[in-house]
Amino acid sequence: MNYEALLVHPIAKGAMTGMLAAAAVDFQAFRSWKSFDDVHAYQWTVALWRWAQGAIVGAVAGAGLGL
């Protein structure tokens, strides 16, 4: 499989961009943690769902922009 071609494909680029945007939101939450125990209290299911949504929306946007 040609991974370089995959990385420049508009759908793949859109998915990665969307997921990175969602990760940036979570990074702001990570910076507010006071101790390592906050890892257990964090809502990981919400974060993972947000990352998946970002990837899906980004891929759809990338597909539209690539037309």
PDB file of N, CA and C in Angstrom:
ATOM      1  N   MET A   1       0.845  -1.182   0.000  1.00  0.00           N
ATOM      2  CA  MET A   1       0.000   0.000   0.000  1.00  0.00           C
ATOM      3  C   MET A   1       0.883   1.235   0.000  1.00  0.00           C
ATOM      4  N   ASN A   2       0.495   2.209  -0.793  1.00  0.00           N
ATOM      5  CA  ASN A   2       1.253   3.443  -0.917  1.00  0.00           C
ATOM      6  C   ASN A   2       0.735   4.454   0.119  1.00  0.00           C
ATOM      7  N   TYR A   3       1.444   4.549   1.240  1.00  0.00           N
ATOM      8  CA  TYR A   3       1.004   5.422   2.324  1.00  0.00           C
ATOM      9  C   TYR A   3       1.172   6.902   1.990  1.00  0.00           C
ATOM     10  N   GLU A   4       2.151   7.219   1.174  1.00  0.00           N
ATOM     11  CA  GLU A   4       2.349   8.625   0.803  1.00  0.00           C
ATOM     12  C   GLU A   4       1.159   9.149   0.001  1.00  0.00           C
ATOM     13  N   ALA A   5       0.626   8.322  -0.873  1.00  0.00           N
ATOM     14  CA  ALA A   5      -0.544   8.742  -1.651  1.00  0.00           C
ATOM     15  C   ALA A   5      -1.757   8.893  -0.744  1.00  0.00           C
ATOM     16  N   LEU A   6      -1.849   8.050   0.283  1.00  0.00           N
ATOM     17  CA  LEU A   6      -2.972   8.140   1.216  1.00  0.00           C
ATOM     18  C   LEU A   6      -2.918   9.446   2.004  1.00  0.00           C
ATOM     19  N   LEU A   7      -1.720   9.867   2.375  1.00  0.00           N
ATOM     20  CA  LEU A   7      -1.583  11.079   3.184  1.00  0.00           C
ATOM     21  C   LEU A   7      -1.915  12.352   2.418  1.00  0.00           C
ATOM     22  N   VAL A   8      -1.839  12.327   1.109  1.00  0.00           N
ATOM     23  CA  VAL A   8      -2.171  13.521   0.341  1.00  0.00           C
ATOM     24  C   VAL A   8      -3.587  13.459  -0.226  1.00  0.00           C
ATOM     25  N   HIS A   9      -4.283  12.381   0.021  1.00  0.00           N
ATOM     26  CA  HIS A   9      -5.665  12.258  -0.450  1.00  0.00           C
ATOM     27  C   HIS A   9      -6.543  13.228   0.351  1.00  0.00           C
ATOM     28  N   PRO A  10      -7.437  13.970  -0.309  1.00  0.00           N
ATOM     29  CA  PRO A  10      -8.250  14.980   0.398  1.00  0.00           C
ATOM     30  C   PRO A  10      -9.106  14.408   1.527  1.00  0.00           C
ATOM     31  N   ILE A  11      -9.614  13.199   1.365  1.00  0.00           N
ATOM     32  CA  ILE A  11     -10.449  12.611   2.421  1.00  0.00           C
ATOM     33  C   ILE A  11      -9.600  12.272   3.638  1.00  0.00           C
ATOM     34  N   ALA A  12      -8.424  11.683   3.411  1.00  0.00           N
ATOM     35  CA  ALA A  12      -7.542  11.340   4.532  1.00  0.00           C
ATOM     36  C   ALA A  12      -7.040  12.594   5.235  1.00  0.00           C
ATOM     37  N   LYS A  13      -6.680  13.611   4.458  1.00  0.00           N
ATOM     38  CA  LYS A  13      -6.231  14.866   5.062  1.00  0.00           C
ATOM     39  C   LYS A  13      -7.346  15.515   5.872  1.00  0.00           C
ATOM     40  N   GLY A  14      -8.570  15.468   5.359  1.00  0.00           N
ATOM     41  CA  GLY A  14      -9.706  16.025   6.092  1.00  0.00           C
ATOM     42  C   GLY A  14      -9.962  15.284   7.387  1.00  0.00           C
ATOM     43  N   ALA A  15      -9.871  13.946   7.343  1.00  0.00           N
ATOM     44  CA  ALA A  15     -10.089  13.155   8.553  1.00  0.00           C
ATOM     45  C   ALA A  15      -9.032  13.459   9.603  1.00  0.00           C
ATOM     46  N   MET A  16      -7.782  13.563   9.184  1.00  0.00           N
ATOM     47  CA  MET A  16      -6.720  13.874  10.138  1.00  0.00           C
ATOM     48  C   MET A  16      -6.873  15.276  10.708  1.00  0.00           C
ATOM     49  N   THR A  17      -7.261  16.219   9.870  1.00  0.00           N
ATOM     50  CA  THR A  17      -7.466  17.595  10.345  1.00  0.00           C
ATOM     51  C   THR A  17      -8.604  17.660  11.353  1.00  0.00           C
ATOM     52  N   GLY A  18      -9.703  16.968  11.066  1.00  0.00           N
ATOM     53  CA  GLY A  18     -10.835  16.947  11.996  1.00  0.00           C
ATOM     54  C   GLY A  18     -10.475  16.303  13.324  1.00  0.00           C
ATOM     55  N   MET A  19      -9.712  15.212  13.260  1.00  0.00           N
ATOM     56  CA  MET A  19      -9.317  14.543  14.494  1.00  0.00           C
ATOM     57  C   MET A  19      -8.343  15.403  15.296  1.00  0.00           C
ATOM     58  N   LEU A  20      -7.457  16.103  14.619  1.00  0.00           N
ATOM     59  CA  LEU A  20      -6.530  16.990  15.324  1.00  0.00           C
ATOM     60  C   LEU A  20      -7.249  18.164  15.970  1.00  0.00           C
ATOM     61  N   ALA A  21      -8.292  18.659  15.332  1.00  0.00           N
ATOM     62  CA  ALA A  21      -9.078  19.739  15.939  1.00  0.00           C
ATOM     63  C   ALA A  21      -9.747  19.256  17.223  1.00  0.00           C
ATOM     64  N   ALA A  22     -10.276  18.041  17.192  1.00  0.00           N
ATOM     65  CA  ALA A  22     -10.889  17.477  18.403  1.00  0.00           C
ATOM     66  C   ALA A  22      -9.832  17.239  19.475  1.00  0.00           C
ATOM     67  N   ALA A  23      -8.653  16.803  19.077  1.00  0.00           N
ATOM     68  CA  ALA A  23      -7.575  16.578  20.039  1.00  0.00           C
ATOM     69  C   ALA A  23      -7.131  17.892  20.679  1.00  0.00           C
ATOM     70  N   ALA A  24      -7.187  18.983  19.927  1.00  0.00           N
ATOM     71  CA  ALA A  24      -6.821  20.292  20.475  1.00  0.00           C
ATOM     72  C   ALA A  24      -7.783  20.700  21.580  1.00  0.00           C
ATOM     73  N   VAL A  25      -9.057  20.381  21.405  1.00  0.00           N
ATOM     74  CA  VAL A  25     -10.042  20.675  22.457  1.00  0.00           C
ATOM     75  C   VAL A  25      -9.708  19.883  23.715  1.00  0.00           C
ATOM     76  N   ASP A  26      -9.384  18.611  23.560  1.00  0.00           N
ATOM     77  CA  ASP A  26      -9.036  17.797  24.723  1.00  0.00           C
ATOM     78  C   ASP A  26      -7.725  18.233  25.349  1.00  0.00           C
ATOM     79  N   PHE A  27      -6.797  18.718  24.546  1.00  0.00           N
ATOM     80  CA  PHE A  27      -5.529  19.198  25.092  1.00  0.00           C
ATOM     81  C   PHE A  27      -5.760  20.353  26.057  1.00  0.00           C
ATOM     82  N   GLN A  28      -6.700  21.214  25.734  1.00  0.00           N
ATOM     83  CA  GLN A  28      -7.027  22.308  26.649  1.00  0.00           C
ATOM     84  C   GLN A  28      -7.573  21.762  27.970  1.00  0.00           C
ATOM     85  N   ALA A  29      -8.356  20.696  27.893  1.00  0.00           N
ATOM     86  CA  ALA A  29      -8.855  20.068  29.123  1.00  0.00           C
ATOM     87  C   ALA A  29      -7.709  19.428  29.902  1.00  0.00           C
ATOM     88  N   PHE A  30      -6.764  18.802  29.208  1.00  0.00           N
ATOM     89  CA  PHE A  30      -5.633  18.159  29.875  1.00  0.00           C
ATOM     90  C   PHE A  30      -4.792  19.184  30.630  1.00  0.00           C
ATOM     91  N   ARG A  31      -4.675  20.375  30.073  1.00  0.00           N
ATOM     92  CA  ARG A  31      -3.866  21.404  30.721  1.00  0.00           C
ATOM     93  C   ARG A  31      -4.484  21.881  32.035  1.00  0.00           C
ATOM     94  N   SER A  32      -5.782  21.669  32.208  1.00  0.00           N
ATOM     95  CA  SER A  32      -6.440  22.116  33.432  1.00  0.00           C
ATOM     96  C   SER A  32      -6.357  21.078  34.549  1.00  0.00           C
ATOM     97  N   TRP A  33      -5.828  19.903  34.259  1.00  0.00           N
ATOM     98  CA  TRP A  33      -5.730  18.872  35.299  1.00  0.00           C
ATOM     99  C   TRP A  33      -4.758  19.297  36.381  1.00  0.00           C
ATOM    100  N   LYS A  34      -5.138  19.036  37.613  1.00  0.00           N
ATOM    101  CA  LYS A  34      -4.297  19.400  38.758  1.00  0.00           C
ATOM    102  C   LYS A  34      -3.421  18.245  39.213  1.00  0.00           C
ATOM    103  N   SER A  35      -3.876  17.008  38.990  1.00  0.00           N
ATOM    104  CA  SER A  35      -3.099  15.846  39.400  1.00  0.00           C
ATOM    105  C   SER A  35      -3.344  14.699  38.425  1.00  0.00           C
ATOM    106  N   PHE A  36      -2.582  13.653  38.585  1.00  0.00           N
ATOM    107  CA  PHE A  36      -2.713  12.487  37.717  1.00  0.00           C
ATOM    108  C   PHE A  36      -4.040  11.771  37.950  1.00  0.00           C
ATOM    109  N   ASP A  37      -4.653  11.961  39.119  1.00  0.00           N
ATOM    110  CA  ASP A  37      -5.946  11.340  39.407  1.00  0.00           C
ATOM    111  C   ASP A  37      -7.064  11.872  38.522  1.00  0.00           C
ATOM    112  N   ASP A  38      -6.865  13.046  37.930  1.00  0.00           N
ATOM    113  CA  ASP A  38      -7.879  13.593  37.024  1.00  0.00           C
ATOM    114  C   ASP A  38      -8.042  12.749  35.770  1.00  0.00           C
ATOM    115  N   VAL A  39      -7.046  11.900  35.475  1.00  0.00           N
ATOM    116  CA  VAL A  39      -7.139  11.000  34.319  1.00  0.00           C
ATOM    117  C   VAL A  39      -8.326  10.064  34.474  1.00  0.00           C
ATOM    118  N   HIS A  40      -8.554   9.586  35.688  1.00  0.00           N
ATOM    119  CA  HIS A  40      -9.653   8.642  35.941  1.00  0.00           C
ATOM    120  C   HIS A  40     -11.012   9.334  35.879  1.00  0.00           C
ATOM    121  N   ALA A  41     -11.057  10.586  36.231  1.00  0.00           N
ATOM    122  CA  ALA A  41     -12.328  11.306  36.262  1.00  0.00           C
ATOM    123  C   ALA A  41     -12.713  11.866  34.886  1.00  0.00           C
ATOM    124  N   TYR A  42     -11.752  11.893  33.962  1.00  0.00           N
ATOM    125  CA  TYR A  42     -12.029  12.464  32.642  1.00  0.00           C
ATOM    126  C   TYR A  42     -13.017  11.575  31.882  1.00  0.00           C
ATOM    127  N   GLN A  43     -13.890  12.170  31.128  1.00  0.00           N
ATOM    128  CA  GLN A  43     -14.900  11.419  30.371  1.00  0.00           C
ATOM    129  C   GLN A  43     -14.298  10.980  29.035  1.00  0.00           C
ATOM    130  N   TRP A  44     -13.620   9.844  29.059  1.00  0.00           N
ATOM    131  CA  TRP A  44     -12.921   9.360  27.881  1.00  0.00           C
ATOM    132  C   TRP A  44     -13.871   8.955  26.764  1.00  0.00           C
ATOM    133  N   THR A  45     -15.053   8.450  27.101  1.00  0.00           N
ATOM    134  CA  THR A  45     -16.000   8.067  26.050  1.00  0.00           C
ATOM    135  C   THR A  45     -16.444   9.290  25.256  1.00  0.00           C
ATOM    136  N   VAL A  46     -16.634  10.403  25.942  1.00  0.00           N
ATOM    137  CA  VAL A  46     -17.012  11.645  25.254  1.00  0.00           C
ATOM    138  C   VAL A  46     -15.855  12.109  24.373  1.00  0.00           C
ATOM    139  N   ALA A  47     -14.646  12.017  24.883  1.00  0.00           N
ATOM    140  CA  ALA A  47     -13.479  12.444  24.112  1.00  0.00           C
ATOM    141  C   ALA A  47     -13.301  11.590  22.858  1.00  0.00           C
ATOM    142  N   LEU A  48     -13.427  10.283  22.995  1.00  0.00           N
ATOM    143  CA  LEU A  48     -13.261   9.405  21.836  1.00  0.00           C
ATOM    144  C   LEU A  48     -14.373   9.626  20.809  1.00  0.00           C
ATOM    145  N   TRP A  49     -15.580   9.848  21.282  1.00  0.00           N
ATOM    146  CA  TRP A  49     -16.681  10.143  20.375  1.00  0.00           C
ATOM    147  C   TRP A  49     -16.419  11.457  19.638  1.00  0.00           C
ATOM    148  N   ARG A  50     -15.871  12.453  20.345  1.00  0.00           N
ATOM    149  CA  ARG A  50     -15.555  13.742  19.720  1.00  0.00           C
ATOM    150  C   ARG A  50     -14.464  13.562  18.662  1.00  0.00           C
ATOM    151  N   TRP A  51     -13.465  12.719  18.924  1.00  0.00           N
ATOM    152  CA  TRP A  51     -12.409  12.472  17.951  1.00  0.00           C
ATOM    153  C   TRP A  51     -12.969  11.768  16.724  1.00  0.00           C
ATOM    154  N   ALA A  52     -13.864  10.813  16.933  1.00  0.00           N
ATOM    155  CA  ALA A  52     -14.484  10.102  15.801  1.00  0.00           C
ATOM    156  C   ALA A  52     -15.336  11.064  14.978  1.00  0.00           C
ATOM    157  N   GLN A  53     -16.100  11.905  15.647  1.00  0.00           N
ATOM    158  CA  GLN A  53     -16.914  12.888  14.928  1.00  0.00           C
ATOM    159  C   GLN A  53     -16.035  13.841  14.124  1.00  0.00           C
ATOM    160  N   GLY A  54     -14.943  14.273  14.715  1.00  0.00           N
ATOM    161  CA  GLY A  54     -14.027  15.159  14.001  1.00  0.00           C
ATOM    162  C   GLY A  54     -13.456  14.501  12.758  1.00  0.00           C
ATOM    163  N   ALA A  55     -13.109  13.218  12.875  1.00  0.00           N
ATOM    164  CA  ALA A  55     -12.564  12.497  11.720  1.00  0.00           C
ATOM    165  C   ALA A  55     -13.620  12.332  10.635  1.00  0.00           C
ATOM    166  N   ILE A  56     -14.842  12.018  11.031  1.00  0.00           N
ATOM    167  CA  ILE A  56     -15.914  11.819  10.040  1.00  0.00           C
ATOM    168  C   ILE A  56     -16.252  13.131   9.339  1.00  0.00           C
ATOM    169  N   VAL A  57     -16.450  14.180  10.118  1.00  0.00           N
ATOM    170  CA  VAL A  57     -16.787  15.476   9.516  1.00  0.00           C
ATOM    171  C   VAL A  57     -15.630  15.971   8.645  1.00  0.00           C
ATOM    172  N   GLY A  58     -14.414  15.778   9.107  1.00  0.00           N
ATOM    173  CA  GLY A  58     -13.265  16.191   8.303  1.00  0.00           C
ATOM    174  C   GLY A  58     -13.162  15.411   7.004  1.00  0.00           C
ATOM    175  N   ALA A  59     -13.436  14.103   7.049  1.00  0.00           N
ATOM    176  CA  ALA A  59     -13.391  13.285   5.837  1.00  0.00           C
ATOM    177  C   ALA A  59     -14.467  13.706   4.855  1.00  0.00           C
ATOM    178  N   VAL A  60     -15.659  13.997   5.348  1.00  0.00           N
ATOM    179  CA  VAL A  60     -16.739  14.443   4.468  1.00  0.00           C
ATOM    180  C   VAL A  60     -16.388  15.796   3.839  1.00  0.00           C
ATOM    181  N   ALA A  61     -15.840  16.678   4.650  1.00  0.00           N
ATOM    182  CA  ALA A  61     -15.420  17.982   4.110  1.00  0.00           C
ATOM    183  C   ALA A  61     -14.300  17.814   3.096  1.00  0.00           C
ATOM    184  N   GLY A  62     -13.375  16.921   3.378  1.00  0.00           N
ATOM    185  CA  GLY A  62     -12.285  16.661   2.434  1.00  0.00           C
ATOM    186  C   GLY A  62     -12.795  16.074   1.138  1.00  0.00           C
ATOM    187  N   ALA A  63     -13.794  15.225   1.223  1.00  0.00           N
ATOM    188  CA  ALA A  63     -14.369  14.636   0.016  1.00  0.00           C
ATOM    189  C   ALA A  63     -15.058  15.718  -0.813  1.00  0.00           C
ATOM    190  N   GLY A  64     -15.721  16.614  -0.159  1.00  0.00           N
ATOM    191  CA  GLY A  64     -16.399  17.705  -0.870  1.00  0.00           C
ATOM    192  C   GLY A  64     -15.420  18.676  -1.483  1.00  0.00           C
ATOM    193  N   LEU A  65     -14.344  18.954  -0.777  1.00  0.00           N
ATOM    194  CA  LEU A  65     -13.347  19.892  -1.304  1.00  0.00           C
ATOM    195  C   LEU A  65     -12.535  19.287  -2.443  1.00  0.00           C
ATOM    196  N   GLY A  66     -12.451  17.954  -2.449  1.00  0.00           N
ATOM    197  CA  GLY A  66     -11.676  17.287  -3.493  1.00  0.00           C
ATOM    198  C   GLY A  66     -12.412  17.171  -4.806  1.00  0.00           C
ATOM    199  N   LEU A  67     -13.698  17.495  -4.835  1.00  0.00           N
ATOM    200  CA  LEU A  67     -14.474  17.345  -6.081  1.00  0.00           C
ATOM    201  C   LEU A  67     -14.194  18.429  -7.059  1.00  0.00           C
TER     202      LEU A  67
END
